[in-house]
Amino acid sequence: EQSVPAGITWNPGLSNSDAWGIPKGAE
């Protein structure tokens, strides 16, 4: 949107999660 000439390539994609978190006091 800021006119940076860049694009996304989804294939081959990478699936990942950076971290798992559980809030303090979670029920």
PDB file of all heavy atoms in Angstrom:
ATOM      1  N   GLU A   1       0.824  -1.209   0.000  1.00  0.00           N
ATOM      2  CA  GLU A   1       0.000   0.000   0.000  1.00  0.00           C
ATOM      3  C   GLU A   1       0.858   1.258   0.000  1.00  0.00           C
ATOM      4  O   GLU A   1       0.406   2.323  -0.411  1.00  0.00           O
ATOM      5  CB  GLU A   1      -0.942  -0.002   1.206  1.00  0.00           C
ATOM      6  CG  GLU A   1      -2.046  -1.031   1.088  1.00  0.00           C
ATOM      7  CD  GLU A   1      -2.839  -1.231   2.370  1.00  0.00           C
ATOM      8  OE1 GLU A   1      -2.454  -0.664   3.426  1.00  0.00           O
ATOM      9  OE2 GLU A   1      -3.846  -1.965   2.325  1.00  0.00           O
ATOM     10  N   GLN A   2       2.105   1.131   0.456  1.00  0.00           N
ATOM     11  CA  GLN A   2       3.048   2.246   0.454  1.00  0.00           C
ATOM     12  C   GLN A   2       3.892   2.259  -0.821  1.00  0.00           C
ATOM     13  O   GLN A   2       4.903   2.931  -0.895  1.00  0.00           O
ATOM     14  CB  GLN A   2       3.961   2.168   1.681  1.00  0.00           C
ATOM     15  CG  GLN A   2       3.225   2.304   2.985  1.00  0.00           C
ATOM     16  CD  GLN A   2       4.084   1.979   4.194  1.00  0.00           C
ATOM     17  OE1 GLN A   2       5.228   1.556   4.083  1.00  0.00           O
ATOM     18  NE2 GLN A   2       3.513   2.173   5.374  1.00  0.00           N
ATOM     19  N   SER A   3       3.465   1.476  -1.819  1.00  0.00           N
ATOM     20  CA  SER A   3       4.107   1.388  -3.133  1.00  0.00           C
ATOM     21  C   SER A   3       5.501   0.780  -3.114  1.00  0.00           C
ATOM     22  O   SER A   3       6.311   1.040  -3.994  1.00  0.00           O
ATOM     23  CB  SER A   3       4.152   2.767  -3.812  1.00  0.00           C
ATOM     24  OG  SER A   3       2.843   3.251  -3.988  1.00  0.00           O
ATOM     25  N   VAL A   4       5.790  -0.036  -2.099  1.00  0.00           N
ATOM     26  CA  VAL A   4       7.048  -0.780  -2.095  1.00  0.00           C
ATOM     27  C   VAL A   4       6.904  -1.898  -3.117  1.00  0.00           C
ATOM     28  O   VAL A   4       5.934  -2.655  -3.075  1.00  0.00           O
ATOM     29  CB  VAL A   4       7.355  -1.356  -0.691  1.00  0.00           C
ATOM     30  CG1 VAL A   4       8.576  -2.262  -0.738  1.00  0.00           C
ATOM     31  CG2 VAL A   4       7.535  -0.227   0.306  1.00  0.00           C
ATOM     32  N   PRO A   5       7.827  -1.990  -4.092  1.00  0.00           N
ATOM     33  CA  PRO A   5       7.706  -3.012  -5.136  1.00  0.00           C
ATOM     34  C   PRO A   5       8.087  -4.394  -4.608  1.00  0.00           C
ATOM     35  O   PRO A   5       9.194  -4.883  -4.812  1.00  0.00           O
ATOM     36  CB  PRO A   5       8.677  -2.532  -6.217  1.00  0.00           C
ATOM     37  CG  PRO A   5       9.718  -1.777  -5.462  1.00  0.00           C
ATOM     38  CD  PRO A   5       8.995  -1.150  -4.288  1.00  0.00           C
ATOM     39  N   ALA A   6       7.161  -5.019  -3.905  1.00  0.00           N
ATOM     40  CA  ALA A   6       7.416  -6.332  -3.317  1.00  0.00           C
ATOM     41  C   ALA A   6       6.155  -7.173  -3.432  1.00  0.00           C
ATOM     42  O   ALA A   6       5.053  -6.644  -3.516  1.00  0.00           O
ATOM     43  CB  ALA A   6       7.824  -6.178  -1.857  1.00  0.00           C
ATOM     44  N   GLY A   7       6.328  -8.481  -3.433  1.00  0.00           N
ATOM     45  CA  GLY A   7       5.189  -9.375  -3.543  1.00  0.00           C
ATOM     46  C   GLY A   7       5.348 -10.572  -2.643  1.00  0.00           C
ATOM     47  O   GLY A   7       6.406 -10.803  -2.059  1.00  0.00           O
ATOM     48  N   ILE A   8       4.275 -11.349  -2.547  1.00  0.00           N
ATOM     49  CA  ILE A   8       4.253 -12.543  -1.718  1.00  0.00           C
ATOM     50  C   ILE A   8       4.243 -13.770  -2.618  1.00  0.00           C
ATOM     51  O   ILE A   8       3.529 -13.809  -3.614  1.00  0.00           O
ATOM     52  CB  ILE A   8       2.998 -12.569  -0.824  1.00  0.00           C
ATOM     53  CG1 ILE A   8       3.024 -11.405   0.151  1.00  0.00           C
ATOM     54  CG2 ILE A   8       2.894 -13.891  -0.072  1.00  0.00           C
ATOM     55  CD1 ILE A   8       1.764 -11.287   0.994  1.00  0.00           C
ATOM     56  N   THR A   9       5.040 -14.752  -2.262  1.00  0.00           N
ATOM     57  CA  THR A   9       5.012 -16.045  -2.927  1.00  0.00           C
ATOM     58  C   THR A   9       4.510 -17.063  -1.929  1.00  0.00           C
ATOM     59  O   THR A   9       5.102 -17.232  -0.863  1.00  0.00           O
ATOM     60  CB  THR A   9       6.419 -16.444  -3.419  1.00  0.00           C
ATOM     61  OG1 THR A   9       6.869 -15.468  -4.346  1.00  0.00           O
ATOM     62  CG2 THR A   9       6.403 -17.803  -4.078  1.00  0.00           C
ATOM     63  N   TRP A  10       3.386 -17.701  -2.249  1.00  0.00           N
ATOM     64  CA  TRP A  10       2.794 -18.675  -1.334  1.00  0.00           C
ATOM     65  C   TRP A  10       3.217 -20.092  -1.653  1.00  0.00           C
ATOM     66  O   TRP A  10       3.001 -20.998  -0.868  1.00  0.00           O
ATOM     67  CB  TRP A  10       1.275 -18.588  -1.396  1.00  0.00           C
ATOM     68  CG  TRP A  10       0.734 -17.302  -0.876  1.00  0.00           C
ATOM     69  CD1 TRP A  10       0.297 -16.246  -1.622  1.00  0.00           C
ATOM     70  CD2 TRP A  10       0.577 -16.908   0.482  1.00  0.00           C
ATOM     71  NE1 TRP A  10      -0.119 -15.225  -0.816  1.00  0.00           N
ATOM     72  CE2 TRP A  10       0.035 -15.614   0.491  1.00  0.00           C
ATOM     73  CE3 TRP A  10       0.834 -17.530   1.694  1.00  0.00           C
ATOM     74  CZ2 TRP A  10      -0.252 -14.925   1.661  1.00  0.00           C
ATOM     75  CZ3 TRP A  10       0.551 -16.846   2.863  1.00  0.00           C
ATOM     76  CH2 TRP A  10       0.012 -15.567   2.838  1.00  0.00           C
ATOM     77  N   ASN A  11       3.763 -20.348  -2.818  1.00  0.00           N
ATOM     78  CA  ASN A  11       4.091 -21.706  -3.228  1.00  0.00           C
ATOM     79  C   ASN A  11       5.570 -21.815  -3.505  1.00  0.00           C
ATOM     80  O   ASN A  11       6.052 -21.150  -4.413  1.00  0.00           O
ATOM     81  CB  ASN A  11       3.293 -22.098  -4.456  1.00  0.00           C
ATOM     82  CG  ASN A  11       3.428 -23.566  -4.788  1.00  0.00           C
ATOM     83  OD1 ASN A  11       3.951 -24.335  -4.000  1.00  0.00           O
ATOM     84  ND2 ASN A  11       2.978 -23.943  -5.967  1.00  0.00           N
ATOM     85  N   PRO A  12       6.376 -22.565  -2.840  1.00  0.00           N
ATOM     86  CA  PRO A  12       5.962 -23.400  -1.737  1.00  0.00           C
ATOM     87  C   PRO A  12       5.812 -22.571  -0.473  1.00  0.00           C
ATOM     88  O   PRO A  12       6.618 -21.688  -0.206  1.00  0.00           O
ATOM     89  CB  PRO A  12       7.096 -24.411  -1.590  1.00  0.00           C
ATOM     90  CG  PRO A  12       8.297 -23.675  -2.077  1.00  0.00           C
ATOM     91  CD  PRO A  12       7.795 -22.746  -3.157  1.00  0.00           C
ATOM     92  N   GLY A  13       4.771 -22.846   0.272  1.00  0.00           N
ATOM     93  CA  GLY A  13       4.517 -22.102   1.493  1.00  0.00           C
ATOM     94  C   GLY A  13       5.211 -22.729   2.684  1.00  0.00           C
ATOM     95  O   GLY A  13       5.688 -23.842   2.632  1.00  0.00           O
ATOM     96  N   LEU A  14       5.239 -21.998   3.749  1.00  0.00           N
ATOM     97  CA  LEU A  14       5.829 -22.474   4.983  1.00  0.00           C
ATOM     98  C   LEU A  14       4.795 -22.320   6.078  1.00  0.00           C
ATOM     99  O   LEU A  14       4.227 -21.242   6.251  1.00  0.00           O
ATOM    100  CB  LEU A  14       7.074 -21.653   5.321  1.00  0.00           C
ATOM    101  CG  LEU A  14       7.769 -21.937   6.634  1.00  0.00           C
ATOM    102  CD1 LEU A  14       8.362 -23.348   6.633  1.00  0.00           C
ATOM    103  CD2 LEU A  14       8.867 -20.917   6.870  1.00  0.00           C
ATOM    104  N   SER A  15       4.522 -23.375   6.786  1.00  0.00           N
ATOM    105  CA  SER A  15       3.582 -23.318   7.897  1.00  0.00           C
ATOM    106  C   SER A  15       4.384 -23.323   9.184  1.00  0.00           C
ATOM    107  O   SER A  15       5.220 -24.190   9.391  1.00  0.00           O
ATOM    108  CB  SER A  15       2.656 -24.530   7.892  1.00  0.00           C
ATOM    109  OG  SER A  15       1.916 -24.566   6.713  1.00  0.00           O
ATOM    110  N   ASN A  16       4.131 -22.347  10.025  1.00  0.00           N
ATOM    111  CA  ASN A  16       4.830 -22.343  11.295  1.00  0.00           C
ATOM    112  C   ASN A  16       4.075 -21.532  12.322  1.00  0.00           C
ATOM    113  O   ASN A  16       3.199 -20.755  11.997  1.00  0.00           O
ATOM    114  CB  ASN A  16       6.251 -21.818  11.151  1.00  0.00           C
ATOM    115  CG  ASN A  16       6.306 -20.345  10.796  1.00  0.00           C
ATOM    116  OD1 ASN A  16       5.298 -19.647  10.738  1.00  0.00           O
ATOM    117  ND2 ASN A  16       7.489 -19.848  10.557  1.00  0.00           N
ATOM    118  N   SER A  17       4.421 -21.747  13.540  1.00  0.00           N
ATOM    119  CA  SER A  17       3.944 -20.937  14.651  1.00  0.00           C
ATOM    120  C   SER A  17       5.170 -20.472  15.388  1.00  0.00           C
ATOM    121  O   SER A  17       6.103 -21.240  15.601  1.00  0.00           O
ATOM    122  CB  SER A  17       3.053 -21.750  15.587  1.00  0.00           C
ATOM    123  OG  SER A  17       1.870 -22.126  14.933  1.00  0.00           O
ATOM    124  N   ASP A  18       5.192 -19.223  15.756  1.00  0.00           N
ATOM    125  CA  ASP A  18       6.364 -18.706  16.444  1.00  0.00           C
ATOM    126  C   ASP A  18       6.400 -19.126  17.901  1.00  0.00           C
ATOM    127  O   ASP A  18       7.459 -19.355  18.454  1.00  0.00           O
ATOM    128  CB  ASP A  18       6.401 -17.189  16.359  1.00  0.00           C
ATOM    129  CG  ASP A  18       6.753 -16.718  14.968  1.00  0.00           C
ATOM    130  OD1 ASP A  18       7.173 -17.525  14.143  1.00  0.00           O
ATOM    131  OD2 ASP A  18       6.615 -15.523  14.731  1.00  0.00           O
ATOM    132  N   ALA A  19       5.254 -19.188  18.531  1.00  0.00           N
ATOM    133  CA  ALA A  19       5.238 -19.508  19.952  1.00  0.00           C
ATOM    134  C   ALA A  19       3.836 -19.928  20.375  1.00  0.00           C
ATOM    135  O   ALA A  19       2.855 -19.597  19.723  1.00  0.00           O
ATOM    136  CB  ALA A  19       5.661 -18.296  20.765  1.00  0.00           C
ATOM    137  N   TRP A  20       3.780 -20.652  21.455  1.00  0.00           N
ATOM    138  CA  TRP A  20       2.515 -20.981  22.097  1.00  0.00           C
ATOM    139  C   TRP A  20       2.489 -20.229  23.411  1.00  0.00           C
ATOM    140  O   TRP A  20       3.490 -20.187  24.129  1.00  0.00           O
ATOM    141  CB  TRP A  20       2.408 -22.483  22.367  1.00  0.00           C
ATOM    142  CG  TRP A  20       2.243 -23.297  21.124  1.00  0.00           C
ATOM    143  CD1 TRP A  20       3.220 -23.921  20.417  1.00  0.00           C
ATOM    144  CD2 TRP A  20       1.031 -23.558  20.438  1.00  0.00           C
ATOM    145  NE1 TRP A  20       2.692 -24.560  19.335  1.00  0.00           N
ATOM    146  CE2 TRP A  20       1.342 -24.355  19.324  1.00  0.00           C
ATOM    147  CE3 TRP A  20      -0.294 -23.211  20.654  1.00  0.00           C
ATOM    148  CZ2 TRP A  20       0.374 -24.801  18.433  1.00  0.00           C
ATOM    149  CZ3 TRP A  20      -1.258 -23.655  19.757  1.00  0.00           C
ATOM    150  CH2 TRP A  20      -0.915 -24.442  18.674  1.00  0.00           C
ATOM    151  N   GLY A  21       1.372 -19.648  23.737  1.00  0.00           N
ATOM    152  CA  GLY A  21       1.261 -18.928  24.996  1.00  0.00           C
ATOM    153  C   GLY A  21      -0.058 -19.226  25.685  1.00  0.00           C
ATOM    154  O   GLY A  21      -1.080 -19.416  25.025  1.00  0.00           O
ATOM    155  N   ILE A  22      -0.018 -19.291  26.972  1.00  0.00           N
ATOM    156  CA  ILE A  22      -1.213 -19.509  27.771  1.00  0.00           C
ATOM    157  C   ILE A  22      -1.264 -18.367  28.779  1.00  0.00           C
ATOM    158  O   ILE A  22      -0.341 -18.214  29.579  1.00  0.00           O
ATOM    159  CB  ILE A  22      -1.173 -20.871  28.483  1.00  0.00           C
ATOM    160  CG1 ILE A  22      -1.070 -21.992  27.425  1.00  0.00           C
ATOM    161  CG2 ILE A  22      -2.401 -21.059  29.370  1.00  0.00           C
ATOM    162  CD1 ILE A  22      -0.683 -23.329  27.969  1.00  0.00           C
ATOM    163  N   PRO A  23      -2.302 -17.540  28.711  1.00  0.00           N
ATOM    164  CA  PRO A  23      -2.369 -16.384  29.607  1.00  0.00           C
ATOM    165  C   PRO A  23      -2.363 -16.791  31.085  1.00  0.00           C
ATOM    166  O   PRO A  23      -2.958 -17.804  31.469  1.00  0.00           O
ATOM    167  CB  PRO A  23      -3.699 -15.723  29.254  1.00  0.00           C
ATOM    168  CG  PRO A  23      -4.035 -16.214  27.891  1.00  0.00           C
ATOM    169  CD  PRO A  23      -3.445 -17.590  27.800  1.00  0.00           C
ATOM    170  N   LYS A  24      -1.697 -16.011  31.886  1.00  0.00           N
ATOM    171  CA  LYS A  24      -1.673 -16.244  33.325  1.00  0.00           C
ATOM    172  C   LYS A  24      -3.114 -16.191  33.844  1.00  0.00           C
ATOM    173  O   LYS A  24      -3.884 -15.308  33.484  1.00  0.00           O
ATOM    174  CB  LYS A  24      -0.835 -15.169  34.014  1.00  0.00           C
ATOM    175  CG  LYS A  24      -0.665 -15.377  35.494  1.00  0.00           C
ATOM    176  CD  LYS A  24       0.264 -14.333  36.086  1.00  0.00           C
ATOM    177  CE  LYS A  24       0.451 -14.575  37.566  1.00  0.00           C
ATOM    178  NZ  LYS A  24       1.400 -13.613  38.146  1.00  0.00           N
ATOM    179  N   GLY A  25      -3.477 -17.156  34.634  1.00  0.00           N
ATOM    180  CA  GLY A  25      -4.823 -17.203  35.188  1.00  0.00           C
ATOM    181  C   GLY A  25      -5.856 -17.794  34.245  1.00  0.00           C
ATOM    182  O   GLY A  25      -7.057 -17.707  34.507  1.00  0.00           O
ATOM    183  N   ALA A  26      -5.416 -18.401  33.139  1.00  0.00           N
ATOM    184  CA  ALA A  26      -6.357 -19.010  32.195  1.00  0.00           C
ATOM    185  C   ALA A  26      -7.229 -20.034  32.901  1.00  0.00           C
ATOM    186  O   ALA A  26      -6.740 -20.832  33.705  1.00  0.00           O
ATOM    187  CB  ALA A  26      -5.608 -19.663  31.038  1.00  0.00           C
ATOM    188  N   GLU A  27      -8.532 -20.009  32.613  1.00  0.00           N
ATOM    189  CA  GLU A  27      -9.467 -20.911  33.278  1.00  0.00           C
ATOM    190  C   GLU A  27      -9.214 -22.374  32.928  1.00  0.00           C
ATOM    191  O   GLU A  27      -9.472 -23.258  33.726  1.00  0.00           O
ATOM    192  CB  GLU A  27     -10.904 -20.543  32.906  1.00  0.00           C
ATOM    193  CG  GLU A  27     -11.355 -19.219  33.472  1.00  0.00           C
ATOM    194  CD  GLU A  27     -12.785 -18.892  33.104  1.00  0.00           C
ATOM    195  OE1 GLU A  27     -13.566 -19.822  32.816  1.00  0.00           O
ATOM    196  OE2 GLU A  27     -13.122 -17.707  33.109  1.00  0.00           O
TER     197      GLU A  27
END
